[in-house]
C-alpha atoms as a PDB file:
ATOM      1  CA  MET A   1     125.979 102.138  70.411  1.00  0.00           C
ATOM      2  CA  ALA A   2     126.864 103.469  74.599  1.00  0.00           C
ATOM      3  CA  MET A   3     125.390 106.352  76.172  1.00  0.00           C
ATOM      4  CA  PRO A   4     128.380 109.327  76.589  1.00  0.00           C
ATOM      5  CA  TRP A   5     128.699 110.431  80.796  1.00  0.00           C
ATOM      6  CA  GLU A   6     128.204 113.697  79.705  1.00  0.00           C
ATOM      7  CA  LEU A   7     124.817 113.192  78.204  1.00  0.00           C
ATOM      8  CA  ALA A   8     123.699 111.058  80.927  1.00  0.00           C
ATOM      9  CA  GLU A   9     124.726 113.269  83.696  1.00  0.00           C
ATOM     10  CA  TYR A  10     123.314 116.158  81.197  1.00  0.00           C
ATOM     11  CA  ILE A  11     119.709 114.568  81.477  1.00  0.00           C
ATOM     12  CA  MET A  12     120.061 113.798  85.291  1.00  0.00           C
ATOM     13  CA  VAL A  13     120.797 117.307  85.650  1.00  0.00           C
ATOM     14  CA  VAL A  14     117.830 118.106  83.564  1.00  0.00           C
ATOM     15  CA  THR A  15     115.267 116.137  85.329  1.00  0.00           C
ATOM     16  CA  TRP A  16     116.564 117.323  88.871  1.00  0.00           C
ATOM     17  CA  TRP A  17     115.885 120.441  88.517  1.00  0.00           C
ATOM     18  CA  SER A  18     112.238 119.775  87.008  1.00  0.00           C
ATOM     19  CA  LEU A  19     111.194 117.755  89.712  1.00  0.00           C
ATOM     20  CA  ALA A  20     112.262 120.436  92.171  1.00  0.00           C
ATOM     21  CA  GLY A  21     110.633 122.831  90.177  1.00  0.00           C
ATOM     22  CA  TRP A  22     107.354 120.974  90.632  1.00  0.00           C
ATOM     23  CA  ILE A  23     108.159 120.102  93.866  1.00  0.00           C
ATOM     24  CA  ALA A  24     108.446 123.935  94.714  1.00  0.00           C
ATOM     25  CA  ALA A  25     105.341 124.805  93.396  1.00  0.00           C
ATOM     26  CA  CYS A  26     103.010 122.465  94.796  1.00  0.00           C
ATOM     27  CA  VAL A  27     104.585 123.416  98.275  1.00  0.00           C
ATOM     28  CA  VAL A  28     103.973 126.685  97.665  1.00  0.00           C
ATOM     29  CA  LEU A  29     100.493 125.709  96.729  1.00  0.00           C
ATOM     30  CA  ALA A  30      99.707 123.966  99.058  1.00  0.00           C
ATOM     31  CA  ASP A  31     100.994 126.931 101.529  1.00  0.00           C
ATOM     32  CA  GLU A  32      98.346 129.348  99.832  1.00  0.00           C
ATOM     33  CA  VAL A  33      95.276 126.945 100.306  1.00  0.00           C
ATOM     34  CA  ALA A  34      96.261 125.922 104.237  1.00  0.00           C
ATOM     35  CA  CYS A  35      96.550 129.565 104.480  1.00  0.00           C
ATOM     36  CA  VAL A  36      92.947 130.412 103.160  1.00  0.00           C
ATOM     37  CA  LEU A  37      92.082 127.831 105.157  1.00  0.00           C
ATOM     38  CA  ARG A  38      92.979 128.645 108.416  1.00  0.00           C
ATOM     39  CA  ARG A  39      91.778 132.690 107.547  1.00  0.00           C
ATOM     40  CA  ARG A  40      88.147 131.088 106.559  1.00  0.00           C
ATOM     41  CA  GLU A  41      88.354 133.394 103.318  1.00  0.00           C
ATOM     42  CA  ASN A  42      87.077 132.211 100.952  1.00  0.00           C
ATOM     43  CA  GLY A  43      83.054 131.496 100.568  1.00  0.00           C
ATOM     44  CA  VAL A  44      83.112 128.183  99.971  1.00  0.00           C
ATOM     45  CA  ILE A  45      83.601 127.315 103.626  1.00  0.00           C
ATOM     46  CA  ARG A  46      81.457 129.868 104.883  1.00  0.00           C
ATOM     47  CA  ARG A  47      78.204 129.172 106.063  1.00  0.00           C
ATOM     48  CA  PRO A  48      75.176 131.510 105.740  1.00  0.00           C
ATOM     49  CA  SER A  49      73.656 132.858 109.193  1.00  0.00           C
ATOM     50  CA  LEU A  50      70.189 131.836 109.270  1.00  0.00           C
ATOM     51  CA  ALA A  51      69.776 134.089 112.128  1.00  0.00           C
ATOM     52  CA  TYR A  52      68.293 137.620 110.962  1.00  0.00           C
END
């Protein structure tokens, strides 16, 4: 038996919105990481000064 068109369309829409949500979350996260790296606010990048 074949899949009804309505079910195929529903699966496609749910999959599309799920992927769109993941992509949006990744873009927002990448933007936040880039801002932190540009501002040098995280402690991993800062090197302690050797001059006392």
